[in-house]
């Protein structure tokens, strides 16, 4: 009887969910050597917006043609009507864009990154992130991100020791941070002006991030 009871308790324990067990942490995303290797880890059927030409095609599909920047800018940032015209431009374009297919596209863009330090506890390199600006016939394009993980850490695998030595020598190690996601429905595209170049239009597509990949900036395609 005792043997049967022990066996029954053992079977019951096996069938119960292991709620008391610690979750196994997911592995860190790898630092790829080539862009093609990084892109292969992302969801398929996405639109690569990595260069001027596909970015311009994407903007045409969304909004048709660029704004009349000179008319919107007027006499500059201190023009009394500057802000009102910019606000009106964004509201008008938002309305015209509603329901268009590219709003649902999965797109892949690139931000600039740098390995900041090695995190011994996590076992990977922390990544510092910065925007990438692309000059186009529409103006300057800078993708914005939403829902990006608060902490970005890349695993370098066998290259870890070499990268540590390079960092100890004070060498800057640049990487590309490849971001994949969809436009935010309520704020898909924001028009503004550059703060560095007077009168230069700035277009900021806002992407809700679904996947991230890292690649050494000098990696070949």
Protein backbone atom coordinates (compact mmCIF):
# COMPACT_ATOMS: atom_id res chain seq x y z
CA UNK A 1 0.00 0.00 0.00
CA UNK A 2 2.79 2.42 0.89
CA UNK A 3 4.53 1.63 -2.39
CA UNK A 4 1.38 2.32 -4.40
CA UNK A 5 0.82 5.60 -2.51
CA UNK A 6 4.38 6.75 -3.15
CA UNK A 7 4.05 5.96 -6.86
CA UNK A 8 0.77 7.87 -7.06
CA UNK A 9 2.31 10.91 -5.40
CA UNK A 10 5.28 10.76 -7.77
CA UNK A 11 3.02 10.63 -10.85
CA UNK A 12 1.01 13.57 -9.46
CA UNK A 13 4.19 15.59 -8.95
CA UNK A 14 5.31 14.94 -12.52
CA UNK A 15 1.93 16.05 -13.90
CA UNK A 16 1.85 19.35 -11.96
CA UNK A 17 3.23 22.51 -13.60
CA UNK A 18 6.65 23.54 -12.30
CA UNK A 19 5.51 26.91 -11.04
CA UNK A 20 8.07 26.96 -8.27
CA UNK A 21 11.02 26.47 -10.61
CA UNK A 22 13.04 29.45 -11.80
CA UNK A 23 12.58 30.28 -15.49
CA UNK A 24 15.53 29.59 -17.75
CA UNK A 25 16.68 32.94 -19.13
CA UNK A 26 16.54 33.32 -22.90
CA UNK A 27 19.93 33.47 -24.63
CA UNK A 28 21.38 36.85 -25.56
CA UNK A 29 21.11 37.85 -29.22
CA UNK A 30 24.41 37.21 -31.02
CA UNK A 31 26.70 39.84 -32.50
CA UNK A 32 26.78 38.81 -36.16
CA UNK A 33 29.80 39.26 -38.40
CA UNK A 34 27.79 40.12 -41.51
CA UNK A 35 24.60 42.00 -42.24
CA UNK A 36 23.18 39.10 -44.23
CA UNK A 37 23.58 36.82 -41.22
CA UNK A 38 21.76 39.33 -39.00
CA UNK A 39 18.92 39.76 -41.52
CA UNK A 40 18.48 35.98 -41.72
CA UNK A 41 17.40 35.94 -38.05
CA UNK A 42 14.52 38.38 -38.62
CA UNK A 43 10.95 37.50 -39.63
CA UNK A 44 10.60 36.80 -43.37
CA UNK A 45 8.73 38.94 -45.87
CA UNK A 46 9.83 42.24 -44.38
CA UNK A 47 10.73 45.38 -46.31
CA UNK A 48 14.36 46.42 -45.97
CA UNK A 49 14.60 50.19 -45.51
CA UNK A 50 18.37 50.37 -45.16
CA UNK A 51 19.28 52.78 -47.98
CA UNK A 52 18.01 55.94 -49.63
CA UNK A 53 16.17 54.36 -52.58
CA UNK A 54 13.93 51.91 -50.68
CA UNK A 55 13.24 54.55 -48.03
CA UNK A 56 12.06 56.99 -50.70
CA UNK A 57 9.89 54.29 -52.28
CA UNK A 58 8.36 53.61 -48.88
CA UNK A 59 7.55 57.30 -48.39
CA UNK A 60 5.98 57.50 -51.84
CA UNK A 61 3.80 54.47 -51.05
CA UNK A 62 2.67 56.14 -47.82
CA UNK A 63 2.34 59.83 -48.70
CA UNK A 64 2.72 60.19 -52.47
CA UNK A 65 5.02 63.21 -52.66
CA UNK A 66 7.17 65.28 -50.29
CA UNK A 67 5.79 68.45 -48.71
CA UNK A 68 6.52 71.91 -50.01
CA UNK A 69 9.13 72.48 -47.31
CA UNK A 70 9.85 76.07 -48.32
CA UNK A 71 6.18 77.01 -47.94
CA UNK A 72 5.89 75.26 -44.57
CA UNK A 73 9.14 76.74 -43.28
CA UNK A 74 8.31 80.27 -44.31
CA UNK A 75 10.72 82.69 -42.65
CA UNK A 76 12.21 80.11 -40.31
CA UNK A 77 11.68 78.68 -36.83
CA UNK A 78 10.69 82.10 -35.51
CA UNK A 79 8.04 82.66 -38.18
CA UNK A 80 4.76 83.13 -36.25
CA UNK A 81 2.97 80.69 -38.57
CA UNK A 82 5.73 78.06 -38.64
CA UNK A 83 4.33 75.79 -35.95
CA UNK A 84 0.75 76.07 -37.21
CA UNK A 85 1.74 75.12 -40.76
CA UNK A 86 3.79 72.17 -39.51
CA UNK A 87 0.89 70.99 -37.33
CA UNK A 88 -1.53 71.30 -40.25
CA UNK A 89 0.86 69.33 -42.50
CA UNK A 90 1.02 66.43 -40.04
CA UNK A 91 -2.76 66.31 -39.52
CA UNK A 92 -3.44 66.44 -43.27
CA UNK A 93 -0.92 63.71 -44.05
CA UNK A 94 -2.21 61.51 -41.20
CA UNK A 95 -5.72 61.65 -42.65
CA UNK A 96 -4.58 60.91 -46.21
CA UNK A 97 -2.43 57.99 -45.02
CA UNK A 98 -5.17 56.22 -43.09
CA UNK A 99 -5.90 52.68 -44.31
CA UNK A 100 -2.94 52.46 -46.69
CA UNK A 101 -1.30 49.04 -47.00
CA UNK A 102 2.27 50.13 -46.07
CA UNK A 103 1.00 50.91 -42.56
CA UNK A 104 0.83 47.14 -42.05
CA UNK A 105 4.18 46.31 -43.62
CA UNK A 106 6.89 44.69 -41.56
CA UNK A 107 9.90 46.95 -42.07
CA UNK A 108 13.57 46.66 -41.15
CA UNK A 109 15.68 49.72 -40.39
CA UNK A 110 19.11 50.40 -38.90
CA UNK A 111 20.27 52.49 -35.98
CA UNK A 112 23.90 53.16 -35.03
CA UNK A 113 25.33 51.30 -32.07
CA UNK A 114 28.52 50.96 -30.06
CA UNK A 115 29.73 48.34 -27.61
CA UNK A 116 29.95 50.25 -24.33
CA UNK A 117 31.23 47.64 -21.85
CA UNK A 118 31.22 43.94 -21.11
CA UNK A 119 28.60 42.87 -18.56
CA UNK A 120 30.16 40.00 -16.61
CA UNK A 121 26.86 39.06 -14.98
CA UNK A 122 24.93 38.89 -18.25
CA UNK A 123 27.83 37.48 -20.25
CA UNK A 124 27.55 39.95 -23.11
CA UNK A 125 28.39 43.45 -24.32
CA UNK A 126 26.05 46.30 -23.47
CA UNK A 127 25.07 48.33 -26.51
CA UNK A 128 24.78 52.13 -26.65
CA UNK A 129 22.30 53.25 -29.30
CA UNK A 130 22.03 56.34 -31.47
CA UNK A 131 19.86 57.40 -34.47
CA UNK A 132 20.93 57.14 -38.08
CA UNK A 133 20.04 59.96 -40.47
CA UNK A 134 19.58 59.29 -44.20
CA UNK A 135 19.48 62.23 -46.63
CA UNK A 136 16.80 61.72 -49.30
CA UNK A 137 14.97 63.80 -51.88
CA UNK A 138 12.17 64.14 -49.30
CA UNK A 139 14.49 65.54 -46.66
CA UNK A 140 16.38 63.87 -43.86
CA UNK A 141 14.89 60.60 -42.62
CA UNK A 142 15.34 59.38 -39.08
CA UNK A 143 13.41 56.32 -37.90
CA UNK A 144 12.06 56.45 -34.35
CA UNK A 145 11.41 53.35 -32.26
CA UNK A 146 8.82 52.26 -29.73
CA UNK A 147 8.81 49.22 -27.41
CA UNK A 148 12.56 48.71 -27.73
CA UNK A 149 14.03 46.66 -24.84
CA UNK A 150 15.35 48.97 -22.11
CA UNK A 151 18.68 47.15 -22.06
CA UNK A 152 20.45 45.95 -25.20
CA UNK A 153 23.10 43.27 -24.71
CA UNK A 154 24.87 41.30 -27.45
CA UNK A 155 26.69 38.00 -27.14
CA UNK A 156 29.93 37.88 -29.13
CA UNK A 157 30.62 34.17 -28.64
CA UNK A 158 34.16 33.19 -29.59
CA UNK A 159 34.99 36.82 -30.42
CA UNK A 160 34.40 37.94 -26.81
CA UNK A 161 38.04 37.79 -25.71
CA UNK A 162 39.29 39.70 -28.76
CA UNK A 163 36.65 42.40 -28.38
CA UNK A 164 37.51 42.79 -24.70
CA UNK A 165 41.15 43.38 -25.59
CA UNK A 166 40.17 45.96 -28.21
CA UNK A 167 38.01 47.79 -25.69
CA UNK A 168 40.80 47.73 -23.08
CA UNK A 169 43.05 49.43 -25.65
CA UNK A 170 40.46 52.19 -25.87
CA UNK A 171 39.28 51.19 -29.32
CA UNK A 172 35.74 52.19 -30.30
CA UNK A 173 33.74 49.23 -31.61
CA UNK A 174 30.84 50.36 -33.77
CA UNK A 175 27.96 48.07 -34.61
CA UNK A 176 24.70 48.32 -36.54
CA UNK A 177 21.51 47.69 -34.60
CA UNK A 178 18.95 46.20 -36.97
CA UNK A 179 15.37 46.90 -35.90
CA UNK A 180 12.30 45.17 -37.32
CA UNK A 181 8.67 46.14 -36.72
CA UNK A 182 5.58 47.96 -37.96
CA UNK A 183 4.58 51.61 -38.02
CA UNK A 184 2.64 52.84 -35.00
CA UNK A 185 -0.93 53.33 -36.31
CA UNK A 186 -1.75 56.59 -34.52
CA UNK A 187 1.60 58.28 -35.16
CA UNK A 188 3.06 56.52 -38.17
CA UNK A 189 5.01 59.41 -39.70
CA UNK A 190 6.06 62.72 -38.17
CA UNK A 191 7.15 65.73 -40.22
CA UNK A 192 9.47 68.28 -38.64
CA UNK A 193 12.54 70.37 -39.45
CA UNK A 194 16.20 69.63 -38.80
CA UNK A 195 17.67 71.36 -35.77
CA UNK A 196 21.11 71.40 -37.42
CA UNK A 197 20.39 72.57 -40.99
CA UNK A 198 18.07 75.54 -41.50
CA UNK A 199 15.05 74.73 -43.65
CA UNK A 200 15.90 71.03 -44.07
CA UNK A 201 12.84 68.82 -43.73
CA UNK A 202 12.97 65.94 -41.26
CA UNK A 203 10.76 62.85 -41.65
CA UNK A 204 10.43 60.45 -38.72
CA UNK A 205 8.60 57.16 -39.30
CA UNK A 206 7.69 55.67 -35.90
CA UNK A 207 8.25 51.90 -35.71
CA UNK A 208 7.00 49.57 -32.97
CA UNK A 209 9.88 47.10 -32.63
CA UNK A 210 9.24 43.35 -32.83
CA UNK A 211 12.78 42.02 -33.33
CA UNK A 212 16.37 43.22 -32.91
CA UNK A 213 19.66 41.97 -34.36
CA UNK A 214 23.27 43.14 -33.97
CA UNK A 215 26.05 43.17 -36.57
CA UNK A 216 29.59 44.55 -36.57
CA UNK A 217 29.50 47.81 -38.49
CA UNK A 218 32.35 46.73 -40.77
CA UNK A 219 30.62 43.45 -41.60
CA UNK A 220 30.14 42.81 -45.29
CA UNK A 221 26.83 41.99 -46.93
